[in-house]
Amino acid sequence: MTHADGRPYGAAPLPDAIPPPTAPAEQIIADARTALVTLGFRPKDAQAAVARAVAHDGDGALEGLIVSALRETSRQPDPDRSSQRP
């Protein structure tokens, strides 16, 4: 007897068939927040941007979440900067 791909039962799966390991969602969210803080965002702004990105981004990948969070930061005016304008 063989699998649908022709391998005999008991044989090791093909490398393409092994899914990549995934981190728990909480770890991905924490890593995204850390990435934004490392880029210079205030922790509370990073937290808010990641929370908005999680609500909009169902991908679950760290890279996609960071990109979405960065997009969210560009959509939100910085109240500190708006008060400094002449």
N, C-alpha and C. Protein backbone atom coordinates (compact mmCIF):
# COMPACT_ATOMS: atom_id res chain seq x y z
N MET A 1 0.83 -1.17 0.00
CA MET A 1 0.00 0.00 0.00
C MET A 1 0.89 1.24 0.00
N THR A 2 0.40 2.28 -0.64
CA THR A 2 1.16 3.52 -0.72
C THR A 2 0.26 4.72 -0.47
N HIS A 3 0.90 5.82 -0.12
CA HIS A 3 0.19 7.10 0.02
C HIS A 3 -0.20 7.59 -1.37
N ALA A 4 -1.02 8.63 -1.42
CA ALA A 4 -1.45 9.21 -2.69
C ALA A 4 -0.27 9.73 -3.50
N ASP A 5 0.82 10.15 -2.81
CA ASP A 5 1.98 10.66 -3.53
C ASP A 5 2.95 9.55 -3.94
N GLY A 6 2.60 8.30 -3.68
CA GLY A 6 3.42 7.18 -4.12
C GLY A 6 4.38 6.64 -3.08
N ARG A 7 4.54 7.35 -1.95
CA ARG A 7 5.44 6.86 -0.91
C ARG A 7 4.79 5.70 -0.17
N PRO A 8 5.58 4.72 0.23
CA PRO A 8 5.00 3.63 1.02
C PRO A 8 4.64 4.12 2.42
N TYR A 9 3.64 3.49 3.00
CA TYR A 9 3.27 3.85 4.37
C TYR A 9 4.46 3.64 5.28
N GLY A 10 4.66 4.56 6.23
CA GLY A 10 5.79 4.49 7.15
C GLY A 10 6.99 5.28 6.68
N ALA A 11 6.99 5.69 5.42
CA ALA A 11 8.12 6.47 4.89
C ALA A 11 8.02 7.90 5.41
N ALA A 12 9.16 8.57 5.49
CA ALA A 12 9.20 9.97 5.95
C ALA A 12 8.44 10.84 4.96
N PRO A 13 7.75 11.87 5.46
CA PRO A 13 7.05 12.77 4.55
C PRO A 13 8.04 13.56 3.70
N LEU A 14 7.56 13.98 2.55
CA LEU A 14 8.38 14.81 1.68
C LEU A 14 8.61 16.17 2.36
N PRO A 15 9.77 16.80 2.15
CA PRO A 15 10.04 18.09 2.81
C PRO A 15 8.97 19.13 2.53
N ASP A 16 8.38 19.13 1.33
CA ASP A 16 7.34 20.12 1.00
C ASP A 16 6.08 19.89 1.82
N ALA A 17 5.88 18.67 2.29
CA ALA A 17 4.65 18.33 3.00
C ALA A 17 4.70 18.72 4.47
N ILE A 18 5.87 19.08 4.97
CA ILE A 18 5.99 19.44 6.37
C ILE A 18 5.71 20.93 6.52
N PRO A 19 4.65 21.29 7.25
CA PRO A 19 4.36 22.72 7.40
C PRO A 19 5.41 23.40 8.28
N PRO A 20 5.70 24.67 8.02
CA PRO A 20 6.67 25.38 8.84
C PRO A 20 6.11 25.56 10.25
N PRO A 21 6.97 25.61 11.24
CA PRO A 21 6.47 25.81 12.60
C PRO A 21 5.85 27.19 12.73
N THR A 22 4.83 27.27 13.52
CA THR A 22 4.17 28.57 13.73
C THR A 22 4.26 28.92 15.21
N ALA A 23 4.42 30.21 15.45
CA ALA A 23 4.47 30.69 16.83
C ALA A 23 3.05 30.93 17.30
N PRO A 24 2.82 30.81 18.59
CA PRO A 24 1.49 31.14 19.12
C PRO A 24 1.15 32.59 18.81
N ALA A 25 -0.12 32.86 18.66
CA ALA A 25 -0.58 34.21 18.30
C ALA A 25 -0.08 35.27 19.28
N GLU A 26 -0.07 34.94 20.57
CA GLU A 26 0.37 35.92 21.56
C GLU A 26 1.83 36.31 21.34
N GLN A 27 2.65 35.33 20.95
CA GLN A 27 4.07 35.61 20.72
C GLN A 27 4.25 36.48 19.48
N ILE A 28 3.47 36.23 18.44
CA ILE A 28 3.55 37.03 17.21
C ILE A 28 3.16 38.48 17.51
N ILE A 29 2.11 38.67 18.30
CA ILE A 29 1.66 40.02 18.65
C ILE A 29 2.73 40.73 19.48
N ALA A 30 3.31 40.02 20.44
CA ALA A 30 4.37 40.61 21.26
C ALA A 30 5.58 40.96 20.40
N ASP A 31 5.93 40.10 19.47
CA ASP A 31 7.08 40.37 18.59
C ASP A 31 6.80 41.58 17.69
N ALA A 32 5.58 41.72 17.22
CA ALA A 32 5.23 42.87 16.38
C ALA A 32 5.33 44.17 17.19
N ARG A 33 4.84 44.15 18.43
CA ARG A 33 4.96 45.34 19.30
C ARG A 33 6.42 45.68 19.54
N THR A 34 7.22 44.67 19.82
CA THR A 34 8.64 44.89 20.05
C THR A 34 9.32 45.48 18.82
N ALA A 35 8.93 45.00 17.65
CA ALA A 35 9.52 45.51 16.40
C ALA A 35 9.22 47.00 16.25
N LEU A 36 7.98 47.41 16.52
CA LEU A 36 7.64 48.82 16.39
C LEU A 36 8.37 49.68 17.42
N VAL A 37 8.48 49.19 18.64
CA VAL A 37 9.21 49.94 19.67
C VAL A 37 10.67 50.06 19.27
N THR A 38 11.23 48.99 18.73
CA THR A 38 12.63 49.02 18.28
C THR A 38 12.82 50.04 17.16
N LEU A 39 11.80 50.22 16.35
CA LEU A 39 11.87 51.20 15.27
C LEU A 39 11.69 52.63 15.78
N GLY A 40 11.39 52.79 17.06
CA GLY A 40 11.30 54.12 17.63
C GLY A 40 9.91 54.58 18.03
N PHE A 41 8.91 53.74 17.88
CA PHE A 41 7.56 54.12 18.28
C PHE A 41 7.43 54.00 19.80
N ARG A 42 6.61 54.86 20.38
CA ARG A 42 6.35 54.76 21.81
C ARG A 42 5.59 53.46 22.07
N PRO A 43 5.85 52.82 23.22
CA PRO A 43 5.18 51.55 23.52
C PRO A 43 3.66 51.62 23.41
N LYS A 44 3.05 52.70 23.91
CA LYS A 44 1.59 52.77 23.84
C LYS A 44 1.11 52.92 22.39
N ASP A 45 1.87 53.63 21.56
CA ASP A 45 1.51 53.76 20.15
C ASP A 45 1.69 52.43 19.41
N ALA A 46 2.77 51.73 19.75
CA ALA A 46 3.01 50.42 19.15
C ALA A 46 1.90 49.45 19.51
N GLN A 47 1.51 49.47 20.78
CA GLN A 47 0.43 48.59 21.26
C GLN A 47 -0.87 48.88 20.50
N ALA A 48 -1.20 50.15 20.37
CA ALA A 48 -2.44 50.54 19.70
C ALA A 48 -2.41 50.16 18.22
N ALA A 49 -1.28 50.39 17.57
CA ALA A 49 -1.17 50.08 16.14
C ALA A 49 -1.27 48.57 15.90
N VAL A 50 -0.62 47.80 16.75
CA VAL A 50 -0.68 46.34 16.59
C VAL A 50 -2.10 45.85 16.86
N ALA A 51 -2.76 46.41 17.85
CA ALA A 51 -4.14 46.00 18.14
C ALA A 51 -5.06 46.29 16.95
N ARG A 52 -4.89 47.46 16.33
CA ARG A 52 -5.70 47.78 15.15
C ARG A 52 -5.35 46.85 13.99
N ALA A 53 -4.06 46.55 13.84
CA ALA A 53 -3.63 45.67 12.75
C ALA A 53 -4.17 44.25 12.94
N VAL A 54 -4.18 43.78 14.18
CA VAL A 54 -4.72 42.44 14.45
C VAL A 54 -6.19 42.38 14.07
N ALA A 55 -6.92 43.46 14.32
CA ALA A 55 -8.34 43.49 13.98
C ALA A 55 -8.56 43.44 12.47
N HIS A 56 -7.61 43.97 11.70
CA HIS A 56 -7.77 44.02 10.24
C HIS A 56 -7.03 42.93 9.50
N ASP A 57 -6.00 42.36 10.13
CA ASP A 57 -5.12 41.41 9.43
C ASP A 57 -5.32 40.02 9.98
N GLY A 58 -5.94 39.16 9.19
CA GLY A 58 -6.16 37.79 9.62
C GLY A 58 -5.08 36.84 9.19
N ASP A 59 -4.00 37.36 8.61
CA ASP A 59 -2.94 36.53 8.06
C ASP A 59 -2.25 35.68 9.11
N GLY A 60 -1.89 36.29 10.23
CA GLY A 60 -1.23 35.56 11.30
C GLY A 60 0.28 35.51 11.20
N ALA A 61 0.84 35.99 10.10
CA ALA A 61 2.30 35.99 9.94
C ALA A 61 2.88 37.26 10.56
N LEU A 62 4.02 37.12 11.20
CA LEU A 62 4.66 38.26 11.87
C LEU A 62 4.94 39.40 10.91
N GLU A 63 5.52 39.09 9.77
CA GLU A 63 5.88 40.13 8.81
C GLU A 63 4.65 40.91 8.35
N GLY A 64 3.58 40.21 8.05
CA GLY A 64 2.36 40.88 7.63
C GLY A 64 1.76 41.75 8.71
N LEU A 65 1.85 41.27 9.95
CA LEU A 65 1.31 42.04 11.07
C LEU A 65 2.12 43.32 11.28
N ILE A 66 3.43 43.23 11.16
CA ILE A 66 4.27 44.43 11.31
C ILE A 66 3.95 45.44 10.22
N VAL A 67 3.84 44.98 8.99
CA VAL A 67 3.51 45.89 7.88
C VAL A 67 2.15 46.55 8.12
N SER A 68 1.16 45.75 8.53
CA SER A 68 -0.17 46.31 8.81
C SER A 68 -0.13 47.31 9.95
N ALA A 69 0.65 47.01 10.99
CA ALA A 69 0.76 47.94 12.12
C ALA A 69 1.43 49.23 11.69
N LEU A 70 2.45 49.13 10.84
CA LEU A 70 3.09 50.35 10.34
C LEU A 70 2.11 51.18 9.51
N ARG A 71 1.29 50.53 8.74
CA ARG A 71 0.26 51.26 7.98
C ARG A 71 -0.71 51.95 8.93
N GLU A 72 -1.06 51.25 10.00
CA GLU A 72 -1.97 51.85 10.99
C GLU A 72 -1.36 53.08 11.64
N THR A 73 -0.05 53.07 11.89
CA THR A 73 0.58 54.24 12.51
C THR A 73 0.56 55.43 11.57
N SER A 74 0.63 55.19 10.28
CA SER A 74 0.62 56.30 9.33
C SER A 74 -0.77 56.90 9.18
N ARG A 75 -1.79 56.18 9.61
CA ARG A 75 -3.17 56.67 9.50
C ARG A 75 -3.59 57.48 10.71
N GLN A 76 -2.86 57.35 11.79
CA GLN A 76 -3.23 58.03 13.03
C GLN A 76 -2.38 59.28 13.22
N PRO A 77 -3.01 60.46 13.36
CA PRO A 77 -2.22 61.67 13.61
C PRO A 77 -1.58 61.61 14.98
N ASP A 78 -0.40 62.15 15.09
CA ASP A 78 0.31 62.20 16.36
C ASP A 78 -0.13 63.47 17.07
N PRO A 79 -0.85 63.37 18.20
CA PRO A 79 -1.35 64.58 18.87
C PRO A 79 -0.22 65.48 19.35
N ASP A 80 0.94 64.92 19.68
CA ASP A 80 2.06 65.75 20.13
C ASP A 80 2.59 66.61 18.99
N ARG A 81 2.64 66.05 17.81
CA ARG A 81 3.17 66.81 16.66
C ARG A 81 2.17 67.85 16.19
N SER A 82 0.88 67.54 16.23
CA SER A 82 -0.11 68.50 15.74
C SER A 82 -0.16 69.73 16.63
N SER A 83 0.16 69.58 17.91
CA SER A 83 0.14 70.75 18.80
C SER A 83 1.39 71.60 18.65
N GLN A 84 2.43 71.08 18.00
CA GLN A 84 3.67 71.82 17.83
C GLN A 84 3.70 72.62 16.52
N ARG A 85 2.73 72.42 15.67
CA ARG A 85 2.73 73.14 14.39
C ARG A 85 2.40 74.60 14.62
N PRO A 86 3.01 75.49 13.83
CA PRO A 86 2.74 76.92 14.02
C PRO A 86 1.34 77.31 13.63
